[in-house]
Amino acid sequence: MLLRIKHGEPKDRIEQEVVKARRMLDRLPELGISIDKVTQQLEDEGVEKFSTSFDKLMGTLEKALKK
């Protein structure tokens, strides 16, 4: 972070190349990619991983409380 401040050019970049990004997203169906399916898969996988980790944490806490 310090190097970024000293040597980088901090500025608001969120709106840069928005048109290019929109064009890329619009082309996904041409490539056989469904953004809806991709985002749903990412969401499903994220929820599953969170749930697995949460269940493991709850099991660990339960064991610790029984001691």
C-alpha atoms as a PDB file:
ATOM      1  CA  MET A   1       0.000   0.000   0.000  1.00  0.00           C
ATOM      2  CA  LEU A   2       2.775   2.427   0.897  1.00  0.00           C
ATOM      3  CA  LEU A   3       4.532   1.752  -2.414  1.00  0.00           C
ATOM      4  CA  ARG A   4       1.255   2.352  -4.214  1.00  0.00           C
ATOM      5  CA  ILE A   5       0.910   5.740  -2.521  1.00  0.00           C
ATOM      6  CA  LYS A   6       4.520   6.734  -3.211  1.00  0.00           C
ATOM      7  CA  HIS A   7       4.746   5.451  -6.783  1.00  0.00           C
ATOM      8  CA  GLY A   8       1.192   5.021  -7.998  1.00  0.00           C
ATOM      9  CA  GLU A   9      -1.339   7.456  -9.304  1.00  0.00           C
ATOM     10  CA  PRO A  10      -4.287   7.232  -6.915  1.00  0.00           C
ATOM     11  CA  LYS A  11      -7.496   8.340  -8.619  1.00  0.00           C
ATOM     12  CA  ASP A  12     -11.068   7.270  -9.106  1.00  0.00           C
ATOM     13  CA  ARG A  13     -10.975   4.540 -11.757  1.00  0.00           C
ATOM     14  CA  ILE A  14     -14.405   2.944 -11.316  1.00  0.00           C
ATOM     15  CA  GLU A  15     -15.853   4.680 -14.371  1.00  0.00           C
ATOM     16  CA  GLN A  16     -12.922   4.057 -16.690  1.00  0.00           C
ATOM     17  CA  GLU A  17     -13.609   1.805 -19.658  1.00  0.00           C
ATOM     18  CA  VAL A  18     -17.232   1.200 -18.691  1.00  0.00           C
ATOM     19  CA  VAL A  19     -18.244   1.109 -22.351  1.00  0.00           C
ATOM     20  CA  LYS A  20     -15.578  -1.502 -23.095  1.00  0.00           C
ATOM     21  CA  ALA A  21     -16.701  -3.600 -20.135  1.00  0.00           C
ATOM     22  CA  ARG A  22     -20.352  -3.391 -21.245  1.00  0.00           C
ATOM     23  CA  ARG A  23     -19.379  -4.519 -24.764  1.00  0.00           C
ATOM     24  CA  MET A  24     -17.487  -7.480 -23.330  1.00  0.00           C
ATOM     25  CA  LEU A  25     -20.473  -8.495 -21.201  1.00  0.00           C
ATOM     26  CA  ASP A  26     -22.793  -8.117 -24.180  1.00  0.00           C
ATOM     27  CA  ARG A  27     -20.604 -10.511 -26.213  1.00  0.00           C
ATOM     28  CA  LEU A  28     -20.696 -13.325 -23.647  1.00  0.00           C
ATOM     29  CA  PRO A  29     -23.786 -14.996 -25.160  1.00  0.00           C
ATOM     30  CA  GLU A  30     -22.014 -15.107 -28.543  1.00  0.00           C
ATOM     31  CA  LEU A  31     -19.330 -17.164 -26.818  1.00  0.00           C
ATOM     32  CA  GLY A  32     -21.887 -19.481 -25.271  1.00  0.00           C
ATOM     33  CA  ILE A  33     -21.532 -17.967 -21.805  1.00  0.00           C
ATOM     34  CA  SER A  34     -24.601 -17.131 -19.751  1.00  0.00           C
ATOM     35  CA  ILE A  35     -23.802 -14.449 -17.186  1.00  0.00           C
ATOM     36  CA  ASP A  36     -26.888 -15.530 -15.228  1.00  0.00           C
ATOM     37  CA  LYS A  37     -25.662 -19.133 -15.014  1.00  0.00           C
ATOM     38  CA  VAL A  38     -22.122 -18.063 -14.145  1.00  0.00           C
ATOM     39  CA  THR A  39     -23.247 -15.734 -11.363  1.00  0.00           C
ATOM     40  CA  GLN A  40     -25.658 -18.345 -10.000  1.00  0.00           C
ATOM     41  CA  GLN A  41     -22.889 -20.953  -9.953  1.00  0.00           C
ATOM     42  CA  LEU A  42     -20.558 -18.554  -8.125  1.00  0.00           C
ATOM     43  CA  GLU A  43     -23.279 -17.758  -5.611  1.00  0.00           C
ATOM     44  CA  ASP A  44     -24.108 -21.432  -5.049  1.00  0.00           C
ATOM     45  CA  GLU A  45     -20.450 -22.358  -4.581  1.00  0.00           C
ATOM     46  CA  GLY A  46     -19.891 -19.422  -2.221  1.00  0.00           C
ATOM     47  CA  VAL A  47     -22.888 -20.342  -0.071  1.00  0.00           C
ATOM     48  CA  GLU A  48     -21.788 -23.978   0.048  1.00  0.00           C
ATOM     49  CA  LYS A  49     -18.242 -23.056   1.097  1.00  0.00           C
ATOM     50  CA  PHE A  50     -19.505 -20.633   3.720  1.00  0.00           C
ATOM     51  CA  SER A  51     -21.961 -23.194   5.056  1.00  0.00           C
ATOM     52  CA  THR A  52     -19.254 -25.867   5.306  1.00  0.00           C
ATOM     53  CA  SER A  53     -16.898 -23.518   7.150  1.00  0.00           C
ATOM     54  CA  PHE A  54     -19.679 -22.279   9.423  1.00  0.00           C
ATOM     55  CA  ASP A  55     -20.735 -25.818  10.330  1.00  0.00           C
ATOM     56  CA  LYS A  56     -17.114 -26.698  11.122  1.00  0.00           C
ATOM     57  CA  LEU A  57     -16.787 -23.602  13.312  1.00  0.00           C
ATOM     58  CA  MET A  58     -20.016 -24.410  15.160  1.00  0.00           C
ATOM     59  CA  GLY A  59     -18.804 -27.980  15.751  1.00  0.00           C
ATOM     60  CA  THR A  60     -15.510 -26.702  17.139  1.00  0.00           C
ATOM     61  CA  LEU A  61     -17.305 -24.252  19.425  1.00  0.00           C
ATOM     62  CA  GLU A  62     -19.697 -26.938  20.608  1.00  0.00           C
ATOM     63  CA  LYS A  63     -16.803 -29.237  21.519  1.00  0.00           C
ATOM     64  CA  ALA A  64     -15.051 -26.386  23.353  1.00  0.00           C
ATOM     65  CA  LEU A  65     -18.182 -25.609  25.383  1.00  0.00           C
ATOM     66  CA  LYS A  66     -18.550 -29.256  26.445  1.00  0.00           C
ATOM     67  CA  LYS A  67     -15.072 -29.285  28.019  1.00  0.00           C
END
